[in-house]
Amino acid sequence: MSSDIAEVSPESAVELKTKEQAEPLFSKRRKRIVSDPLNDDNPITIQVLGICSALAVTVQFKPTMIMSIAVIFVIVFANLITSVMRKLIPNRIRIIVQLAIIATLVTLVSEVLKAYSYDMYKVLGAYVGLIITNCIVMGRLEAFAMANKPYDSILDGFGSGFGYAWIILVVAFFRELLGGGTMFVGTPLEWDVYGSIGSLFGTELQTNGLFVDSIGAFVILGIIIWIQRTKNGYVEH
């Protein structure tokens, strides 16, 4: 009498076991997808991408924060959509499709800004449009989303987006403080730092106009890169 139980090879058993043991939502590998761009593989300080917006929009903290949110939104959803469609996108037109996805999301962000925060739209309008050509966004779609599943692509988008955001927010904080003597202008936390200190000591503190110009952003960004690479032991090859 033939046996009803088929013999399973060791290789098949390992494969079945692997499928049964699904990767945890916050596995060590997935945590690294999010954490690496924050420090060890930062898109600005290590990969040297997205430098233009780090110099152009960081004169004040509020517009920089809006720009950060816009980039995070675009990169997360562009990664998600590209990953979902990756098997349907012909290889020869993948760049065109990726640009169309990014352009659609950027247009959505621009229209929302125009409708609900027109002052910020006037300040950031041109720079929001340039997200379409931001190397960080395009790079993540091509290098990651086209080859990975949607959930991992979302995590990669958050990691790269926040890695970009914290750098430009730090640059904006010091540019606004040193160049204008203020902090968080246009927000509920607005504070005239130099005016308060001057009143306290009966003197007038002078701001440094260097930091209002792009060269000030270069100086601050260079200091951040120096500190980060020294701490990490990163060496350019």
C-alpha atoms as a PDB file:
ATOM      1  CA  MET A   1       0.000   0.000   0.000  1.00  0.00           C
ATOM      2  CA  SER A   2       1.399   3.370  -0.984  1.00  0.00           C
ATOM      3  CA  SER A   3       2.032   5.941   1.713  1.00  0.00           C
ATOM      4  CA  ASP A   4      -0.275   9.003   1.849  1.00  0.00           C
ATOM      5  CA  ILE A   5       2.526  11.149   3.267  1.00  0.00           C
ATOM      6  CA  ALA A   6       4.939  12.503   0.670  1.00  0.00           C
ATOM      7  CA  GLU A   7       8.569  12.547   1.624  1.00  0.00           C
ATOM      8  CA  VAL A   8       9.913  16.077   2.088  1.00  0.00           C
ATOM      9  CA  SER A   9      13.513  16.841   1.236  1.00  0.00           C
ATOM     10  CA  PRO A  10      15.693  18.777   3.731  1.00  0.00           C
ATOM     11  CA  GLU A  11      15.878  21.734   1.315  1.00  0.00           C
ATOM     12  CA  SER A  12      12.063  21.899   0.999  1.00  0.00           C
ATOM     13  CA  ALA A  13      11.668  21.656   4.761  1.00  0.00           C
ATOM     14  CA  VAL A  14      14.000  24.625   5.264  1.00  0.00           C
ATOM     15  CA  GLU A  15      12.093  26.613   2.638  1.00  0.00           C
ATOM     16  CA  LEU A  16       8.731  25.845   4.259  1.00  0.00           C
ATOM     17  CA  LYS A  17      10.077  26.779   7.687  1.00  0.00           C
ATOM     18  CA  THR A  18      11.417  30.081   6.328  1.00  0.00           C
ATOM     19  CA  LYS A  19       8.031  30.952   4.818  1.00  0.00           C
ATOM     20  CA  GLU A  20       6.250  30.116   8.056  1.00  0.00           C
ATOM     21  CA  GLN A  21       8.570  32.321  10.119  1.00  0.00           C
ATOM     22  CA  ALA A  22       7.652  35.719   8.699  1.00  0.00           C
ATOM     23  CA  GLU A  23      10.036  38.571   9.402  1.00  0.00           C
ATOM     24  CA  PRO A  24       8.884  40.729  12.352  1.00  0.00           C
ATOM     25  CA  LEU A  25       7.560  44.186  11.467  1.00  0.00           C
ATOM     26  CA  PHE A  26      10.401  45.786  13.428  1.00  0.00           C
ATOM     27  CA  SER A  27      13.194  43.304  12.870  1.00  0.00           C
ATOM     28  CA  LYS A  28      16.831  44.317  13.251  1.00  0.00           C
ATOM     29  CA  ARG A  29      17.192  44.630   9.471  1.00  0.00           C
ATOM     30  CA  ARG A  30      14.141  46.867   9.199  1.00  0.00           C
ATOM     31  CA  LYS A  31      15.283  49.047  12.083  1.00  0.00           C
ATOM     32  CA  ARG A  32      18.554  49.586  10.226  1.00  0.00           C
ATOM     33  CA  ILE A  33      16.633  50.635   7.106  1.00  0.00           C
ATOM     34  CA  VAL A  34      15.234  53.531   9.154  1.00  0.00           C
ATOM     35  CA  SER A  35      18.252  54.307  11.365  1.00  0.00           C
ATOM     36  CA  ASP A  36      21.117  54.195   8.833  1.00  0.00           C
ATOM     37  CA  PRO A  37      20.004  57.309   6.890  1.00  0.00           C
ATOM     38  CA  LEU A  38      19.738  59.253  10.135  1.00  0.00           C
ATOM     39  CA  ASN A  39      23.461  58.995  10.780  1.00  0.00           C
ATOM     40  CA  ASP A  40      25.782  56.422   9.194  1.00  0.00           C
ATOM     41  CA  ASP A  41      24.367  56.795   5.669  1.00  0.00           C
ATOM     42  CA  ASN A  42      22.828  60.259   5.853  1.00  0.00           C
ATOM     43  CA  PRO A  43      21.724  61.499   2.413  1.00  0.00           C
ATOM     44  CA  ILE A  44      23.177  64.994   2.925  1.00  0.00           C
ATOM     45  CA  THR A  45      26.287  64.576   5.061  1.00  0.00           C
ATOM     46  CA  ILE A  46      27.455  61.186   3.784  1.00  0.00           C
ATOM     47  CA  GLN A  47      25.934  60.783   0.310  1.00  0.00           C
ATOM     48  CA  VAL A  48      26.157  64.565  -0.346  1.00  0.00           C
ATOM     49  CA  LEU A  49      22.705  64.770  -1.965  1.00  0.00           C
ATOM     50  CA  GLY A  50      20.024  67.446  -1.627  1.00  0.00           C
ATOM     51  CA  ILE A  51      22.574  70.170  -0.871  1.00  0.00           C
ATOM     52  CA  CYS A  52      20.724  72.871  -2.869  1.00  0.00           C
ATOM     53  CA  SER A  53      17.636  72.896  -0.645  1.00  0.00           C
ATOM     54  CA  ALA A  54      19.846  72.711   2.455  1.00  0.00           C
ATOM     55  CA  LEU A  55      21.283  76.062   1.372  1.00  0.00           C
ATOM     56  CA  ALA A  56      18.228  77.705  -0.187  1.00  0.00           C
ATOM     57  CA  VAL A  57      15.349  77.206   2.263  1.00  0.00           C
ATOM     58  CA  THR A  58      17.140  77.254   5.615  1.00  0.00           C
ATOM     59  CA  VAL A  59      17.183  80.983   6.384  1.00  0.00           C
ATOM     60  CA  GLN A  60      14.303  80.494   8.843  1.00  0.00           C
ATOM     61  CA  PHE A  61      13.104  77.480  10.793  1.00  0.00           C
ATOM     62  CA  LYS A  62       9.385  77.508   9.841  1.00  0.00           C
ATOM     63  CA  PRO A  63       9.770  77.257   6.032  1.00  0.00           C
ATOM     64  CA  THR A  64      12.461  74.636   6.571  1.00  0.00           C
ATOM     65  CA  MET A  65      10.060  72.579   8.688  1.00  0.00           C
ATOM     66  CA  ILE A  66       7.382  72.823   5.966  1.00  0.00           C
ATOM     67  CA  MET A  67       9.942  71.770   3.349  1.00  0.00           C
ATOM     68  CA  SER A  68      10.984  68.818   5.527  1.00  0.00           C
ATOM     69  CA  ILE A  69       7.381  67.623   5.866  1.00  0.00           C
ATOM     70  CA  ALA A  70       6.882  67.978   2.109  1.00  0.00           C
ATOM     71  CA  VAL A  71       9.975  65.912   1.283  1.00  0.00           C
ATOM     72  CA  ILE A  72       9.068  63.197   3.814  1.00  0.00           C
ATOM     73  CA  PHE A  73       5.535  62.974   2.374  1.00  0.00           C
ATOM     74  CA  VAL A  74       6.765  62.781  -1.223  1.00  0.00           C
ATOM     75  CA  ILE A  75       9.544  60.249  -0.625  1.00  0.00           C
ATOM     76  CA  VAL A  76       7.396  57.921   1.539  1.00  0.00           C
ATOM     77  CA  PHE A  77       4.453  57.789  -0.861  1.00  0.00           C
ATOM     78  CA  ALA A  78       6.646  57.743  -3.975  1.00  0.00           C
ATOM     79  CA  ASN A  79       8.498  54.754  -2.509  1.00  0.00           C
ATOM     80  CA  LEU A  80       5.200  53.034  -1.676  1.00  0.00           C
ATOM     81  CA  ILE A  81       3.610  53.580  -5.101  1.00  0.00           C
ATOM     82  CA  THR A  82       6.771  52.600  -6.970  1.00  0.00           C
ATOM     83  CA  SER A  83       7.186  49.451  -4.904  1.00  0.00           C
ATOM     84  CA  VAL A  84       3.556  48.398  -5.475  1.00  0.00           C
ATOM     85  CA  MET A  85       3.933  48.967  -9.234  1.00  0.00           C
ATOM     86  CA  ARG A  86       7.509  47.725  -9.609  1.00  0.00           C
ATOM     87  CA  LYS A  87       6.607  44.487 -11.392  1.00  0.00           C
ATOM     88  CA  LEU A  88       4.331  46.344 -13.820  1.00  0.00           C
ATOM     89  CA  ILE A  89       6.813  49.066 -14.832  1.00  0.00           C
ATOM     90  CA  PRO A  90       8.773  48.250 -18.012  1.00  0.00           C
ATOM     91  CA  ASN A  91      12.483  48.652 -17.351  1.00  0.00           C
ATOM     92  CA  ARG A  92      13.057  50.941 -20.318  1.00  0.00           C
ATOM     93  CA  ILE A  93      10.604  53.609 -19.077  1.00  0.00           C
ATOM     94  CA  ARG A  94      11.070  53.238 -15.323  1.00  0.00           C
ATOM     95  CA  ILE A  95      12.704  56.673 -14.886  1.00  0.00           C
ATOM     96  CA  ILE A  96       9.800  58.370 -16.700  1.00  0.00           C
ATOM     97  CA  VAL A  97       7.280  56.552 -14.509  1.00  0.00           C
ATOM     98  CA  GLN A  98       9.202  57.472 -11.357  1.00  0.00           C
ATOM     99  CA  LEU A  99       9.293  61.138 -12.394  1.00  0.00           C
ATOM    100  CA  ALA A 100       5.553  61.060 -13.095  1.00  0.00           C
ATOM    101  CA  ILE A 101       4.855  59.637  -9.622  1.00  0.00           C
ATOM    102  CA  ILE A 102       7.056  62.242  -7.913  1.00  0.00           C
ATOM    103  CA  ALA A 103       5.627  65.106  -9.999  1.00  0.00           C
ATOM    104  CA  THR A 104       2.062  64.087  -9.090  1.00  0.00           C
ATOM    105  CA  LEU A 105       2.863  64.063  -5.369  1.00  0.00           C
ATOM    106  CA  VAL A 106       4.790  67.352  -5.553  1.00  0.00           C
ATOM    107  CA  THR A 107       1.868  68.997  -7.387  1.00  0.00           C
ATOM    108  CA  LEU A 108      -0.454  67.775  -4.619  1.00  0.00           C
ATOM    109  CA  VAL A 109       1.820  69.270  -1.933  1.00  0.00           C
ATOM    110  CA  SER A 110       2.076  72.547  -3.858  1.00  0.00           C
ATOM    111  CA  GLU A 111      -1.703  72.855  -4.238  1.00  0.00           C
ATOM    112  CA  VAL A 112      -2.307  72.097  -0.551  1.00  0.00           C
ATOM    113  CA  LEU A 113       0.214  74.782   0.418  1.00  0.00           C
ATOM    114  CA  LYS A 114      -1.414  77.264  -1.958  1.00  0.00           C
ATOM    115  CA  ALA A 115      -4.850  76.546  -0.496  1.00  0.00           C
ATOM    116  CA  TYR A 116      -4.065  76.417   3.219  1.00  0.00           C
ATOM    117  CA  SER A 117      -0.792  78.327   3.726  1.00  0.00           C
ATOM    118  CA  TYR A 118      -0.394  80.848   0.953  1.00  0.00           C
ATOM    119  CA  ASP A 119       2.395  82.742   2.745  1.00  0.00           C
ATOM    120  CA  MET A 120       4.487  79.563   2.894  1.00  0.00           C
ATOM    121  CA  TYR A 121       3.571  78.802  -0.713  1.00  0.00           C
ATOM    122  CA  LYS A 122       5.018  82.176  -1.775  1.00  0.00           C
ATOM    123  CA  VAL A 123       8.216  81.449   0.154  1.00  0.00           C
ATOM    124  CA  LEU A 124       8.638  77.810  -0.881  1.00  0.00           C
ATOM    125  CA  GLY A 125       6.722  77.564  -4.160  1.00  0.00           C
ATOM    126  CA  ALA A 126       9.755  77.257  -6.450  1.00  0.00           C
ATOM    127  CA  TYR A 127      11.695  75.030  -4.048  1.00  0.00           C
ATOM    128  CA  VAL A 128       8.794  72.624  -3.530  1.00  0.00           C
ATOM    129  CA  GLY A 129       8.679  72.195  -7.294  1.00  0.00           C
ATOM    130  CA  LEU A 130      12.356  71.278  -7.285  1.00  0.00           C
ATOM    131  CA  ILE A 131      11.606  68.203  -5.143  1.00  0.00           C
ATOM    132  CA  ILE A 132      10.820  66.561  -8.496  1.00  0.00           C
ATOM    133  CA  THR A 133      14.529  66.614  -9.330  1.00  0.00           C
ATOM    134  CA  ASN A 134      15.769  65.996  -5.786  1.00  0.00           C
ATOM    135  CA  CYS A 135      18.482  63.326  -6.019  1.00  0.00           C
ATOM    136  CA  ILE A 136      17.465  61.815  -2.676  1.00  0.00           C
ATOM    137  CA  VAL A 137      13.915  61.028  -3.836  1.00  0.00           C
ATOM    138  CA  MET A 138      14.934  59.709  -7.253  1.00  0.00           C
ATOM    139  CA  GLY A 139      17.793  57.740  -5.729  1.00  0.00           C
ATOM    140  CA  ARG A 140      15.576  55.898  -3.250  1.00  0.00           C
ATOM    141  CA  LEU A 141      13.045  54.956  -5.923  1.00  0.00           C
ATOM    142  CA  GLU A 142      15.724  53.595  -8.226  1.00  0.00           C
ATOM    143  CA  ALA A 143      17.964  51.975  -5.619  1.00  0.00           C
ATOM    144  CA  PHE A 144      15.389  50.640  -3.165  1.00  0.00           C
ATOM    145  CA  ALA A 145      11.694  50.834  -4.055  1.00  0.00           C
ATOM    146  CA  MET A 146      12.170  49.166  -7.457  1.00  0.00           C
ATOM    147  CA  ALA A 147      13.651  46.091  -5.753  1.00  0.00           C
ATOM    148  CA  ASN A 148      11.839  45.807  -2.419  1.00  0.00           C
ATOM    149  CA  LYS A 149       8.386  45.212  -0.964  1.00  0.00           C
ATOM    150  CA  PRO A 150       6.025  48.085  -0.044  1.00  0.00           C
ATOM    151  CA  TYR A 151       6.482  47.942   3.739  1.00  0.00           C
ATOM    152  CA  ASP A 152      10.276  48.015   3.522  1.00  0.00           C
ATOM    153  CA  SER A 153      10.038  50.822   0.959  1.00  0.00           C
ATOM    154  CA  ILE A 154       7.885  52.883   3.335  1.00  0.00           C
ATOM    155  CA  LEU A 155      10.483  52.424   6.084  1.00  0.00           C
ATOM    156  CA  ASP A 156      13.246  53.420   3.681  1.00  0.00           C
ATOM    157  CA  GLY A 157      11.272  56.534   2.753  1.00  0.00           C
ATOM    158  CA  PHE A 158      10.841  57.537   6.391  1.00  0.00           C
ATOM    159  CA  GLY A 159      14.531  56.915   7.123  1.00  0.00           C
ATOM    160  CA  SER A 160      15.800  58.936   4.165  1.00  0.00           C
ATOM    161  CA  GLY A 161      13.198  61.670   4.716  1.00  0.00           C
ATOM    162  CA  PHE A 162      13.997  62.159   8.388  1.00  0.00           C
ATOM    163  CA  GLY A 163      17.737  61.892   7.659  1.00  0.00           C
ATOM    164  CA  TYR A 164      17.340  64.816   5.257  1.00  0.00           C
ATOM    165  CA  ALA A 165      14.990  66.715   7.574  1.00  0.00           C
ATOM    166  CA  TRP A 166      17.064  66.795  10.761  1.00  0.00           C
ATOM    167  CA  ILE A 167      20.112  68.130   8.934  1.00  0.00           C
ATOM    168  CA  ILE A 168      18.316  71.046   7.269  1.00  0.00           C
ATOM    169  CA  LEU A 169      16.413  71.836  10.491  1.00  0.00           C
ATOM    170  CA  VAL A 170      19.684  72.112  12.427  1.00  0.00           C
ATOM    171  CA  VAL A 171      21.118  74.341   9.693  1.00  0.00           C
ATOM    172  CA  ALA A 172      17.975  76.525   9.777  1.00  0.00           C
ATOM    173  CA  PHE A 173      18.040  76.780  13.579  1.00  0.00           C
ATOM    174  CA  PHE A 174      21.567  78.203  13.669  1.00  0.00           C
ATOM    175  CA  ARG A 175      21.108  80.392  10.581  1.00  0.00           C
ATOM    176  CA  GLU A 176      18.010  81.999  12.066  1.00  0.00           C
ATOM    177  CA  LEU A 177      19.630  82.411  15.492  1.00  0.00           C
ATOM    178  CA  LEU A 178      22.959  83.819  14.311  1.00  0.00           C
ATOM    179  CA  GLY A 179      21.681  85.676  11.250  1.00  0.00           C
ATOM    180  CA  GLY A 180      18.487  87.146  12.666  1.00  0.00           C
ATOM    181  CA  GLY A 181      18.861  86.834  16.433  1.00  0.00           C
ATOM    182  CA  THR A 182      15.540  85.013  16.632  1.00  0.00           C
ATOM    183  CA  MET A 183      14.169  81.499  17.026  1.00  0.00           C
ATOM    184  CA  PHE A 184      11.087  79.840  15.472  1.00  0.00           C
ATOM    185  CA  VAL A 185       9.735  82.980  13.787  1.00  0.00           C
ATOM    186  CA  GLY A 186       6.127  82.546  12.671  1.00  0.00           C
ATOM    187  CA  THR A 187       5.379  79.801  15.197  1.00  0.00           C
ATOM    188  CA  PRO A 188       3.868  79.903  18.726  1.00  0.00           C
ATOM    189  CA  LEU A 189       7.422  79.485  20.072  1.00  0.00           C
ATOM    190  CA  GLU A 190       8.735  82.646  18.393  1.00  0.00           C
ATOM    191  CA  TRP A 191      11.430  84.323  20.484  1.00  0.00           C
ATOM    192  CA  ASP A 192      13.567  87.406  19.910  1.00  0.00           C
ATOM    193  CA  VAL A 193      16.687  85.934  21.515  1.00  0.00           C
ATOM    194  CA  TYR A 194      19.107  88.802  20.928  1.00  0.00           C
ATOM    195  CA  GLY A 195      16.467  91.373  21.969  1.00  0.00           C
ATOM    196  CA  SER A 196      15.772  89.532  25.235  1.00  0.00           C
ATOM    197  CA  ILE A 197      19.450  89.137  26.089  1.00  0.00           C
ATOM    198  CA  GLY A 198      20.146  92.766  25.130  1.00  0.00           C
ATOM    199  CA  SER A 199      17.350  94.031  27.381  1.00  0.00           C
ATOM    200  CA  LEU A 200      18.591  91.862  30.242  1.00  0.00           C
ATOM    201  CA  PHE A 201      22.153  93.245  30.089  1.00  0.00           C
ATOM    202  CA  GLY A 202      21.287  96.732  28.880  1.00  0.00           C
ATOM    203  CA  THR A 203      23.084  96.349  25.567  1.00  0.00           C
ATOM    204  CA  GLU A 204      22.303  95.649  21.910  1.00  0.00           C
ATOM    205  CA  LEU A 205      23.550  92.427  20.329  1.00  0.00           C
ATOM    206  CA  GLN A 206      24.480  92.524  16.658  1.00  0.00           C
ATOM    207  CA  THR A 207      23.410  89.759  14.298  1.00  0.00           C
ATOM    208  CA  ASN A 208      25.819  88.230  11.788  1.00  0.00           C
ATOM    209  CA  GLY A 209      24.677  88.881   8.222  1.00  0.00           C
ATOM    210  CA  LEU A 210      27.017  86.153   6.974  1.00  0.00           C
ATOM    211  CA  PHE A 211      24.526  83.516   8.079  1.00  0.00           C
ATOM    212  CA  VAL A 212      21.671  85.055   6.108  1.00  0.00           C
ATOM    213  CA  ASP A 213      23.654  84.373   2.954  1.00  0.00           C
ATOM    214  CA  SER A 214      24.278  80.929   1.457  1.00  0.00           C
ATOM    215  CA  ILE A 215      27.877  80.974   2.682  1.00  0.00           C
ATOM    216  CA  GLY A 216      26.540  80.811   6.241  1.00  0.00           C
ATOM    217  CA  ALA A 217      24.639  77.632   5.374  1.00  0.00           C
ATOM    218  CA  PHE A 218      27.830  76.196   3.877  1.00  0.00           C
ATOM    219  CA  VAL A 219      29.732  76.945   7.090  1.00  0.00           C
ATOM    220  CA  ILE A 220      27.119  75.348   9.370  1.00  0.00           C
ATOM    221  CA  LEU A 221      26.673  72.355   7.081  1.00  0.00           C
ATOM    222  CA  GLY A 222      30.446  71.885   6.925  1.00  0.00           C
ATOM    223  CA  ILE A 223      30.669  71.889  10.733  1.00  0.00           C
ATOM    224  CA  ILE A 224      27.867  69.301  10.966  1.00  0.00           C
ATOM    225  CA  ILE A 225      29.620  67.068   8.418  1.00  0.00           C
ATOM    226  CA  TRP A 226      32.939  67.419  10.263  1.00  0.00           C
ATOM    227  CA  ILE A 227      31.399  66.529  13.652  1.00  0.00           C
ATOM    228  CA  GLN A 228      29.376  63.631  12.275  1.00  0.00           C
ATOM    229  CA  ARG A 229      32.178  62.068  10.235  1.00  0.00           C
ATOM    230  CA  THR A 230      34.639  62.472  13.110  1.00  0.00           C
ATOM    231  CA  LYS A 231      32.212  60.764  15.472  1.00  0.00           C
ATOM    232  CA  ASN A 232      31.464  57.934  13.023  1.00  0.00           C
ATOM    233  CA  GLY A 233      35.020  57.504  11.789  1.00  0.00           C
ATOM    234  CA  TYR A 234      33.814  57.873   8.187  1.00  0.00           C
ATOM    235  CA  VAL A 235      36.559  58.307   5.591  1.00  0.00           C
ATOM    236  CA  GLU A 236      35.899  59.289   1.967  1.00  0.00           C
ATOM    237  CA  HIS A 237      37.333  56.784  -0.505  1.00  0.00           C
END
